[in-house]
Amino acid sequence: MAEAYIPYCGSPPVPGAAAWNLDPWLLGGLAAAGLAYGWLARAAPARERTFFYSGLAIAGLALVSPLCNLSVALFSARVAQHIVLTLVAAPLVALGLPARSPAVVRTEPRALRFVLAAALFALALWTWHLPGPYDATLRSDLVYWTMHATTFGAALFLWRTMTRSSGAAIFVGFATALQMSGLGALLTIAPRALFAVHFDTTLPWGLTPLEDQQLGGLLMWVPGGILFTVLVVGGFGLWLTRLSDPLPGGGIR
């Protein structure tokens, strides 16, 4: 008889028994990423290095701490892990990446870049929260890491785009606020539990599968929606400030 598959983050824990993930390949990969950045960005300003290493450390905690193990039992914990990775770690890593060299000429229109950044992140987020793909991440290590790679990669592109233009902050932030709030709302108001992998894992935590799903939907709906709404307002304010800056010969931009 074939052995039962154990998800990457371990078996579903019960209260008080969530375990740390000390996978040597993961720890080695995080260390290698830190060393590679330290070498390649050795001339980068201290502020950029602080951003990058802070983001890397937070990403590591999301994957190593008991939150990883808890995400096997609770959909809401998986959403919390995604929030930490995409809304906290990813922007810090993006701020730590070196700016593009002035000698490198962009060939794509800025508007296309904005649309791609918003669309790719939305595609990754919605795809991996469909019942089929979501359940598959807890049945295959390859699918699990594909999910993290595509979601975090899309988040890096999103934040890299947003942090370099007030126009991007407005457009991309508005689009992302809408799609995250929409997905969170759908998960919250769904009349039944959608994720079969959690049908038998939530009750030890005092939640039915539907209640766990509703909590996860609220986590995505409220923090995600608020964060990107704030960024839109900030980007719009910065854009208005630049418009009102006086031109060298007098007048307003």
Protein backbone atom coordinates (compact mmCIF):
# COMPACT_ATOMS: atom_id res chain seq x y z
CA MET A 1 0.00 0.00 0.00
CA ALA A 2 1.32 3.44 -0.94
CA GLU A 3 2.12 5.75 1.93
CA ALA A 4 -0.22 8.69 2.45
CA TYR A 5 1.17 11.95 1.12
CA ILE A 6 2.27 14.46 3.76
CA PRO A 7 2.05 18.12 2.62
CA TYR A 8 5.27 20.12 2.41
CA CYS A 9 4.55 21.97 5.67
CA GLY A 10 3.72 18.76 7.51
CA SER A 11 0.59 16.98 8.68
CA PRO A 12 -2.38 19.14 9.77
CA PRO A 13 -1.60 20.20 13.35
CA VAL A 14 -3.92 20.38 16.33
CA PRO A 15 -3.84 23.31 18.81
CA GLY A 16 -0.53 23.49 20.64
CA ALA A 17 1.25 21.19 18.20
CA ALA A 18 2.08 23.42 15.21
CA ALA A 19 5.69 22.74 14.24
CA TRP A 20 8.53 24.77 12.76
CA ASN A 21 9.64 23.93 9.22
CA LEU A 22 13.39 23.27 9.31
CA ASP A 23 13.74 22.00 5.74
CA PRO A 24 17.50 22.29 4.99
CA TRP A 25 16.81 23.00 1.30
CA LEU A 26 14.61 25.96 2.20
CA LEU A 27 17.05 27.29 4.79
CA GLY A 28 19.92 26.84 2.36
CA GLY A 29 18.00 28.62 -0.39
CA LEU A 30 17.25 31.59 1.85
CA ALA A 31 20.90 31.78 2.92
CA ALA A 32 22.05 31.55 -0.70
CA ALA A 33 19.67 34.35 -1.72
CA GLY A 34 21.06 36.55 1.06
CA LEU A 35 24.68 35.83 0.12
CA ALA A 36 24.04 36.36 -3.59
CA TYR A 37 22.37 39.70 -2.93
CA GLY A 38 25.18 40.74 -0.60
CA TRP A 39 27.69 40.11 -3.38
CA LEU A 40 25.74 41.53 -6.32
CA ALA A 41 24.46 44.58 -4.42
CA ARG A 42 27.58 45.26 -2.37
CA ALA A 43 27.68 48.85 -3.67
CA ALA A 44 23.98 49.46 -2.99
CA PRO A 45 22.99 52.07 -0.38
CA ALA A 46 22.52 50.78 3.15
CA ARG A 47 18.83 51.65 2.97
CA GLU A 48 18.28 49.32 0.00
CA ARG A 49 20.16 46.49 1.69
CA THR A 50 18.07 46.94 4.84
CA PHE A 51 14.87 46.72 2.82
CA PHE A 52 15.98 43.57 1.02
CA TYR A 53 17.22 41.68 4.06
CA SER A 54 14.13 42.67 6.06
CA GLY A 55 11.90 41.33 3.29
CA LEU A 56 13.95 38.14 2.99
CA ALA A 57 13.76 37.57 6.75
CA ILE A 58 9.99 38.10 6.81
CA ALA A 59 9.53 35.75 3.84
CA GLY A 60 11.67 33.19 5.64
CA LEU A 61 9.56 33.46 8.79
CA ALA A 62 6.36 32.96 6.79
CA LEU A 63 7.77 29.70 5.40
CA VAL A 64 9.69 28.43 8.43
CA SER A 65 7.52 29.43 11.40
CA PRO A 66 4.53 27.39 12.63
CA LEU A 67 2.37 29.50 10.30
CA CYS A 68 3.51 27.16 7.50
CA ASN A 69 2.33 24.09 9.40
CA LEU A 70 -0.89 25.82 10.47
CA SER A 71 -1.69 26.61 6.83
CA VAL A 72 -2.11 22.87 6.23
CA ALA A 73 -5.02 22.82 8.67
CA LEU A 74 -6.61 26.23 8.11
CA PHE A 75 -7.42 28.11 4.93
CA SER A 76 -7.30 31.34 6.94
CA ALA A 77 -3.70 30.58 7.94
CA ARG A 78 -2.78 30.07 4.27
CA VAL A 79 -4.33 33.46 3.46
CA ALA A 80 -2.38 35.02 6.33
CA GLN A 81 0.80 33.48 4.94
CA HIS A 82 0.03 34.90 1.49
CA ILE A 83 -0.59 38.34 2.99
CA VAL A 84 2.75 38.29 4.80
CA LEU A 85 4.59 37.16 1.66
CA THR A 86 2.90 39.40 -0.93
CA LEU A 87 1.99 42.52 1.06
CA VAL A 88 4.89 42.71 3.53
CA ALA A 89 7.90 40.73 2.32
CA ALA A 90 7.53 41.37 -1.43
CA PRO A 91 7.42 45.20 -1.24
CA LEU A 92 10.47 45.23 1.03
CA VAL A 93 12.42 42.97 -1.33
CA ALA A 94 11.29 45.10 -4.30
CA LEU A 95 12.52 48.27 -2.58
CA GLY A 96 15.87 46.58 -2.00
CA LEU A 97 16.44 45.62 -5.62
CA PRO A 98 18.83 47.92 -7.52
CA ALA A 99 17.25 50.50 -9.79
CA ARG A 100 17.42 49.81 -13.50
CA SER A 101 20.49 51.28 -15.14
CA PRO A 102 19.81 54.49 -17.12
CA ALA A 103 21.60 52.81 -20.04
CA VAL A 104 18.84 50.19 -20.22
CA VAL A 105 16.06 51.48 -22.41
CA ARG A 106 12.57 50.17 -21.82
CA THR A 107 10.86 49.04 -24.98
CA GLU A 108 7.37 48.48 -23.56
CA PRO A 109 4.95 51.41 -23.01
CA ARG A 110 4.50 52.39 -19.37
CA ALA A 111 0.76 51.78 -19.60
CA LEU A 112 1.39 48.21 -20.74
CA ARG A 113 3.71 47.64 -17.79
CA PHE A 114 1.03 48.91 -15.39
CA VAL A 115 -1.59 46.61 -16.91
CA LEU A 116 0.77 43.62 -16.83
CA ALA A 117 1.69 44.21 -13.19
CA ALA A 118 -1.94 44.34 -12.09
CA ALA A 119 -3.08 41.50 -14.35
CA LEU A 120 -0.32 39.02 -13.49
CA PHE A 121 -0.81 39.47 -9.75
CA ALA A 122 -4.58 39.09 -10.10
CA LEU A 123 -4.13 35.98 -12.26
CA ALA A 124 -1.80 34.35 -9.73
CA LEU A 125 -4.00 35.23 -6.75
CA TRP A 126 -7.29 34.09 -8.27
CA THR A 127 -5.83 30.94 -9.85
CA TRP A 128 -4.37 29.64 -6.60
CA HIS A 129 -7.57 30.33 -4.68
CA LEU A 130 -9.72 28.27 -7.01
CA PRO A 131 -10.69 25.00 -5.28
CA GLY A 132 -8.86 22.69 -7.71
CA PRO A 133 -5.46 24.43 -7.82
CA TYR A 134 -5.64 25.26 -4.10
CA ASP A 135 -6.29 21.65 -3.09
CA ALA A 136 -3.48 20.52 -5.39
CA THR A 137 -0.93 22.59 -3.43
CA LEU A 138 -1.55 20.37 -0.41
CA ARG A 139 -1.19 17.20 -2.47
CA SER A 140 2.06 17.91 -4.32
CA ASP A 141 5.29 19.64 -3.30
CA LEU A 142 5.86 20.70 -6.91
CA VAL A 143 2.48 22.40 -7.14
CA TYR A 144 3.01 23.96 -3.71
CA TRP A 145 6.27 25.62 -4.73
CA THR A 146 4.88 26.58 -8.14
CA MET A 147 2.14 28.42 -6.27
CA HIS A 148 4.60 30.31 -4.07
CA ALA A 149 6.99 31.10 -6.94
CA THR A 150 4.30 32.50 -9.24
CA THR A 151 2.48 34.43 -6.52
CA PHE A 152 5.62 35.94 -4.99
CA GLY A 153 7.12 36.66 -8.42
CA ALA A 154 3.95 38.44 -9.52
CA ALA A 155 3.93 40.39 -6.25
CA LEU A 156 7.55 41.48 -6.79
CA PHE A 157 6.69 42.76 -10.28
CA LEU A 158 3.62 44.52 -8.87
CA TRP A 159 5.54 46.32 -6.13
CA ARG A 160 8.53 47.03 -8.35
CA THR A 161 6.16 48.82 -10.72
CA MET A 162 4.18 50.63 -8.02
CA THR A 163 7.15 51.99 -6.11
CA ARG A 164 8.66 53.71 -9.15
CA SER A 165 5.74 55.80 -10.36
CA SER A 166 2.86 57.68 -8.74
CA GLY A 167 0.84 56.87 -11.85
CA ALA A 168 1.48 53.18 -11.31
CA ALA A 169 0.56 53.49 -7.64
CA ILE A 170 -2.81 54.94 -8.66
CA PHE A 171 -3.72 52.58 -11.50
CA VAL A 172 -2.15 49.36 -10.24
CA GLY A 173 -3.18 50.03 -6.65
CA PHE A 174 -6.80 50.71 -7.62
CA ALA A 175 -7.02 47.60 -9.80
CA THR A 176 -5.41 45.44 -7.11
CA ALA A 177 -7.66 46.82 -4.37
CA LEU A 178 -10.70 45.94 -6.47
CA GLN A 179 -9.62 42.41 -7.33
CA MET A 180 -8.39 41.52 -3.83
CA SER A 181 -11.55 42.90 -2.25
CA GLY A 182 -13.65 41.07 -4.82
CA LEU A 183 -11.95 37.73 -4.21
CA GLY A 184 -12.11 38.22 -0.45
CA ALA A 185 -15.80 39.09 -0.63
CA LEU A 186 -16.62 36.04 -2.75
CA LEU A 187 -14.81 33.75 -0.31
CA THR A 188 -16.57 35.40 2.63
CA ILE A 189 -20.12 35.22 1.28
CA ALA A 190 -19.84 31.81 -0.41
CA PRO A 191 -22.73 29.65 0.87
CA ARG A 192 -20.58 26.54 1.32
CA ALA A 193 -17.00 25.53 2.00
CA LEU A 194 -15.00 25.23 -1.21
CA PHE A 195 -11.72 23.57 -0.25
CA ALA A 196 -11.97 19.81 0.24
CA VAL A 197 -8.50 19.55 1.79
CA HIS A 198 -9.79 21.46 4.84
CA PHE A 199 -13.08 19.63 5.34
CA ASP A 200 -11.53 17.47 8.10
CA THR A 201 -8.80 19.76 9.46
CA THR A 202 -10.52 22.85 10.91
CA LEU A 203 -12.70 21.42 13.68
CA PRO A 204 -9.83 20.90 16.19
CA TRP A 205 -9.35 24.68 15.96
CA GLY A 206 -12.96 25.43 16.83
CA LEU A 207 -13.95 26.40 13.29
CA THR A 208 -16.14 24.76 10.71
CA PRO A 209 -14.66 24.66 7.19
CA LEU A 210 -17.07 27.43 6.15
CA GLU A 211 -16.15 29.64 9.13
CA ASP A 212 -12.46 29.14 8.38
CA GLN A 213 -13.07 30.11 4.75
CA GLN A 214 -15.02 33.20 5.81
CA LEU A 215 -12.20 34.26 8.11
CA GLY A 216 -9.70 33.82 5.28
CA GLY A 217 -11.91 35.85 2.96
CA LEU A 218 -12.11 38.67 5.49
CA LEU A 219 -8.33 38.66 5.92
CA MET A 220 -7.92 39.11 2.17
CA TRP A 221 -10.79 41.57 1.81
CA VAL A 222 -10.02 44.02 4.62
CA PRO A 223 -6.20 44.30 4.99
CA GLY A 224 -5.57 43.96 1.25
CA GLY A 225 -8.30 46.39 0.27
CA ILE A 226 -7.30 48.97 2.87
CA LEU A 227 -3.58 48.80 2.04
CA PHE A 228 -4.02 49.35 -1.67
CA THR A 229 -6.67 52.04 -1.14
CA VAL A 230 -4.20 53.95 1.04
CA LEU A 231 -1.55 53.59 -1.66
CA VAL A 232 -3.95 54.89 -4.31
CA VAL A 233 -4.76 57.95 -2.21
CA GLY A 234 -1.06 58.54 -1.53
CA GLY A 235 -0.15 58.16 -5.20
CA PHE A 236 -2.93 60.53 -6.23
CA GLY A 237 -1.77 63.09 -3.67
CA LEU A 238 1.80 62.85 -4.94
CA TRP A 239 0.60 63.26 -8.52
CA LEU A 240 -1.40 66.38 -7.58
CA THR A 241 1.62 67.80 -5.75
CA ARG A 242 3.79 67.36 -8.82
CA LEU A 243 1.15 68.97 -11.01
CA SER A 244 1.14 72.03 -8.78
CA ASP A 245 4.95 72.39 -8.75
CA PRO A 246 5.97 75.65 -10.43
CA LEU A 247 7.73 75.42 -13.78
CA PRO A 248 11.16 77.08 -14.15
CA GLY A 249 9.62 79.97 -16.12
CA GLY A 250 6.68 80.37 -13.78
CA GLY A 251 3.22 78.90 -13.90
CA ILE A 252 1.92 75.48 -13.01
CA ARG A 253 2.75 72.13 -14.57
